Amino acid sequence: FIIMRNNLNRILLRQQYLEILSWQGGGGQKFAFPPWQLLAVSKTEKHESVVENLLSLLNRLQPLCVPEEFNSLCQCLTLNRLDEHPSLGSWTVSQGRVQCFAEIRSALLLSDAPADPSPPALLRL
């Protein structure tokens, strides 16, 4: 159960991290405001808040990721746009959310899978 929970957390935190980067211009949505940000926040305060959020997410992701995945996520901070990353070339927020849902669904279905992979007696031919 703990392994599944950690995997689900990793999937969700990774999506949140990429979305924050995207909202800051990395995903072609420059000048857009994430829905959770208040428009009244000054530009300096907004930037500091975004950096704090990104670092907090990275700190939470590090123990959940294999080193290669974590390094890849850190590399995103050095890019002007997310599409400059080899594995995120065609990534969009919408596609990322669909992928996130599919990964979570897959993880949940696997956790409910019976120990014996053969079909139930009623379904056997």
C-alpha atoms as a PDB file:
ATOM      1  CA  PHE A   1       0.000   0.000   0.000  1.00  0.00           C
ATOM      2  CA  ILE A   2       2.825   2.419   0.864  1.00  0.00           C
ATOM      3  CA  ILE A   3       4.528   1.796  -2.479  1.00  0.00           C
ATOM      4  CA  MET A   4       1.287   2.517  -4.351  1.00  0.00           C
ATOM      5  CA  ARG A   5       0.677   5.674  -2.297  1.00  0.00           C
ATOM      6  CA  ASN A   6       4.225   6.899  -3.014  1.00  0.00           C
ATOM      7  CA  ASN A   7       3.758   6.197  -6.713  1.00  0.00           C
ATOM      8  CA  LEU A   8       0.460   8.099  -6.784  1.00  0.00           C
ATOM      9  CA  ASN A   9       2.064  11.014  -4.929  1.00  0.00           C
ATOM     10  CA  ARG A  10       4.943  11.046  -7.408  1.00  0.00           C
ATOM     11  CA  ILE A  11       2.575  11.141 -10.381  1.00  0.00           C
ATOM     12  CA  LEU A  12       0.485  13.979  -8.932  1.00  0.00           C
ATOM     13  CA  LEU A  13       3.440  16.043  -7.701  1.00  0.00           C
ATOM     14  CA  ARG A  14       5.223  15.689 -11.053  1.00  0.00           C
ATOM     15  CA  GLN A  15       2.125  16.958 -12.856  1.00  0.00           C
ATOM     16  CA  GLN A  16       1.776  19.877 -10.452  1.00  0.00           C
ATOM     17  CA  TYR A  17       5.467  20.745 -10.910  1.00  0.00           C
ATOM     18  CA  LEU A  18       5.230  20.706 -14.708  1.00  0.00           C
ATOM     19  CA  GLU A  19       2.052  22.779 -14.652  1.00  0.00           C
ATOM     20  CA  ILE A  20       3.651  25.454 -12.486  1.00  0.00           C
ATOM     21  CA  LEU A  21       6.601  25.613 -14.875  1.00  0.00           C
ATOM     22  CA  SER A  22       4.191  25.797 -17.786  1.00  0.00           C
ATOM     23  CA  TRP A  23       2.182  28.637 -16.243  1.00  0.00           C
ATOM     24  CA  GLN A  24       5.411  30.580 -15.810  1.00  0.00           C
ATOM     25  CA  GLY A  25       6.019  30.592 -19.551  1.00  0.00           C
ATOM     26  CA  GLY A  26       7.766  27.283 -19.995  1.00  0.00           C
ATOM     27  CA  GLY A  27       4.790  25.728 -21.722  1.00  0.00           C
ATOM     28  CA  GLY A  28       3.837  28.568 -24.009  1.00  0.00           C
ATOM     29  CA  GLN A  29       1.377  30.130 -21.588  1.00  0.00           C
ATOM     30  CA  LYS A  30       3.476  33.161 -20.749  1.00  0.00           C
ATOM     31  CA  PHE A  31       1.601  35.942 -18.981  1.00  0.00           C
ATOM     32  CA  ALA A  32      -1.142  33.532 -17.964  1.00  0.00           C
ATOM     33  CA  PHE A  33      -1.898  33.224 -14.277  1.00  0.00           C
ATOM     34  CA  PRO A  34      -2.454  29.887 -12.633  1.00  0.00           C
ATOM     35  CA  PRO A  35      -5.964  29.715 -11.231  1.00  0.00           C
ATOM     36  CA  TRP A  36      -4.682  29.416  -7.649  1.00  0.00           C
ATOM     37  CA  GLN A  37      -2.630  32.652  -7.820  1.00  0.00           C
ATOM     38  CA  LEU A  38      -4.111  35.962  -6.797  1.00  0.00           C
ATOM     39  CA  LEU A  39      -3.754  38.715  -9.381  1.00  0.00           C
ATOM     40  CA  ALA A  40      -3.141  41.283  -6.632  1.00  0.00           C
ATOM     41  CA  VAL A  41       0.237  39.775  -5.717  1.00  0.00           C
ATOM     42  CA  SER A  42       3.191  41.906  -6.814  1.00  0.00           C
ATOM     43  CA  LYS A  43       5.514  40.541  -9.496  1.00  0.00           C
ATOM     44  CA  THR A  44       8.368  40.065  -6.989  1.00  0.00           C
ATOM     45  CA  GLU A  45       6.150  38.319  -4.456  1.00  0.00           C
ATOM     46  CA  LYS A  46       4.668  36.173  -7.221  1.00  0.00           C
ATOM     47  CA  HIS A  47       8.138  35.129  -8.449  1.00  0.00           C
ATOM     48  CA  GLU A  48       9.300  34.279  -4.918  1.00  0.00           C
ATOM     49  CA  SER A  49       6.132  32.295  -4.298  1.00  0.00           C
ATOM     50  CA  VAL A  50       6.577  30.341  -7.542  1.00  0.00           C
ATOM     51  CA  VAL A  51      10.218  29.546  -6.748  1.00  0.00           C
ATOM     52  CA  GLU A  52       9.242  28.418  -3.242  1.00  0.00           C
ATOM     53  CA  ASN A  53       6.489  26.194  -4.683  1.00  0.00           C
ATOM     54  CA  LEU A  54       8.837  24.666  -7.243  1.00  0.00           C
ATOM     55  CA  LEU A  55      11.537  23.963  -4.656  1.00  0.00           C
ATOM     56  CA  SER A  56       9.002  22.522  -2.240  1.00  0.00           C
ATOM     57  CA  LEU A  57       7.687  20.203  -4.952  1.00  0.00           C
ATOM     58  CA  LEU A  58      11.201  19.116  -5.901  1.00  0.00           C
ATOM     59  CA  ASN A  59      11.996  18.376  -2.254  1.00  0.00           C
ATOM     60  CA  ARG A  60       8.866  16.259  -1.983  1.00  0.00           C
ATOM     61  CA  LEU A  61       9.569  14.509  -5.296  1.00  0.00           C
ATOM     62  CA  GLN A  62      13.199  13.592  -4.611  1.00  0.00           C
ATOM     63  CA  PRO A  63      12.555  10.591  -2.322  1.00  0.00           C
ATOM     64  CA  LEU A  64       9.775   9.345  -4.626  1.00  0.00           C
ATOM     65  CA  CYS A  65      11.701   9.454  -7.919  1.00  0.00           C
ATOM     66  CA  VAL A  66      14.522   7.414  -9.313  1.00  0.00           C
ATOM     67  CA  PRO A  67      17.607   9.647  -9.742  1.00  0.00           C
ATOM     68  CA  GLU A  68      17.223   9.871 -13.535  1.00  0.00           C
ATOM     69  CA  GLU A  69      13.646  11.142 -13.287  1.00  0.00           C
ATOM     70  CA  PHE A  70      14.530  13.613 -10.538  1.00  0.00           C
ATOM     71  CA  ASN A  71      17.502  14.955 -12.524  1.00  0.00           C
ATOM     72  CA  SER A  72      15.262  15.300 -15.564  1.00  0.00           C
ATOM     73  CA  LEU A  73      12.755  17.343 -13.538  1.00  0.00           C
ATOM     74  CA  CYS A  74      15.562  19.543 -12.197  1.00  0.00           C
ATOM     75  CA  GLN A  75      16.804  20.067 -15.753  1.00  0.00           C
ATOM     76  CA  CYS A  76      13.429  21.650 -16.580  1.00  0.00           C
ATOM     77  CA  LEU A  77      14.400  24.595 -14.366  1.00  0.00           C
ATOM     78  CA  THR A  78      17.258  25.438 -16.722  1.00  0.00           C
ATOM     79  CA  LEU A  79      15.131  25.568 -19.866  1.00  0.00           C
ATOM     80  CA  ASN A  80      13.397  28.572 -21.362  1.00  0.00           C
ATOM     81  CA  ARG A  81      10.501  26.390 -22.488  1.00  0.00           C
ATOM     82  CA  LEU A  82       9.376  22.905 -21.520  1.00  0.00           C
ATOM     83  CA  ASP A  83       9.318  21.853 -25.170  1.00  0.00           C
ATOM     84  CA  GLU A  84      13.134  22.165 -25.168  1.00  0.00           C
ATOM     85  CA  HIS A  85      13.250  19.068 -22.934  1.00  0.00           C
ATOM     86  CA  PRO A  86      13.716  15.870 -24.966  1.00  0.00           C
ATOM     87  CA  SER A  87      10.837  13.995 -23.332  1.00  0.00           C
ATOM     88  CA  LEU A  88       8.496  16.996 -23.049  1.00  0.00           C
ATOM     89  CA  GLY A  89       8.680  18.273 -26.622  1.00  0.00           C
ATOM     90  CA  SER A  90       4.950  17.952 -27.249  1.00  0.00           C
ATOM     91  CA  TRP A  91       3.782  18.187 -23.619  1.00  0.00           C
ATOM     92  CA  THR A  92       0.809  20.399 -22.841  1.00  0.00           C
ATOM     93  CA  VAL A  93      -1.140  20.896 -19.639  1.00  0.00           C
ATOM     94  CA  SER A  94      -4.120  19.063 -21.142  1.00  0.00           C
ATOM     95  CA  GLN A  95      -2.060  16.125 -22.388  1.00  0.00           C
ATOM     96  CA  GLY A  96      -0.201  16.030 -19.073  1.00  0.00           C
ATOM     97  CA  ARG A  97      -3.477  15.803 -17.160  1.00  0.00           C
ATOM     98  CA  VAL A  98      -4.726  12.995 -19.394  1.00  0.00           C
ATOM     99  CA  GLN A  99      -1.437  11.128 -18.930  1.00  0.00           C
ATOM    100  CA  CYS A 100      -1.569  11.756 -15.166  1.00  0.00           C
ATOM    101  CA  PHE A 101      -5.107  10.326 -15.008  1.00  0.00           C
ATOM    102  CA  ALA A 102      -4.094   7.304 -17.098  1.00  0.00           C
ATOM    103  CA  GLU A 103      -1.080   6.588 -14.876  1.00  0.00           C
ATOM    104  CA  ILE A 104      -3.165   6.872 -11.700  1.00  0.00           C
ATOM    105  CA  ARG A 105      -5.921   4.701 -13.165  1.00  0.00           C
ATOM    106  CA  SER A 106      -3.374   2.106 -14.210  1.00  0.00           C
ATOM    107  CA  ALA A 107      -1.751   2.082 -10.759  1.00  0.00           C
ATOM    108  CA  LEU A 108      -5.133   1.695  -9.055  1.00  0.00           C
ATOM    109  CA  LEU A 109      -6.213  -1.104 -11.382  1.00  0.00           C
ATOM    110  CA  LEU A 110      -2.946  -2.948 -10.769  1.00  0.00           C
ATOM    111  CA  SER A 111      -3.433  -2.644  -7.034  1.00  0.00           C
ATOM    112  CA  ASP A 112      -6.842  -4.336  -7.357  1.00  0.00           C
ATOM    113  CA  ALA A 113      -5.527  -7.103  -9.608  1.00  0.00           C
ATOM    114  CA  PRO A 114      -5.886 -10.584  -8.145  1.00  0.00           C
ATOM    115  CA  ALA A 115      -2.748 -12.461  -7.193  1.00  0.00           C
ATOM    116  CA  ASP A 116      -3.652 -15.107  -9.784  1.00  0.00           C
ATOM    117  CA  PRO A 117      -3.667 -13.439 -13.237  1.00  0.00           C
ATOM    118  CA  SER A 118      -5.903 -16.152 -14.736  1.00  0.00           C
ATOM    119  CA  PRO A 119      -9.521 -15.132 -15.363  1.00  0.00           C
ATOM    120  CA  PRO A 120     -12.238 -16.168 -12.886  1.00  0.00           C
ATOM    121  CA  ALA A 121     -13.750 -19.621 -13.434  1.00  0.00           C
ATOM    122  CA  LEU A 122     -16.911 -18.178 -14.977  1.00  0.00           C
ATOM    123  CA  LEU A 123     -14.915 -16.434 -17.709  1.00  0.00           C
ATOM    124  CA  ARG A 124     -12.685 -19.351 -18.652  1.00  0.00           C
ATOM    125  CA  LEU A 125     -13.560 -21.030 -21.929  1.00  0.00           C
END
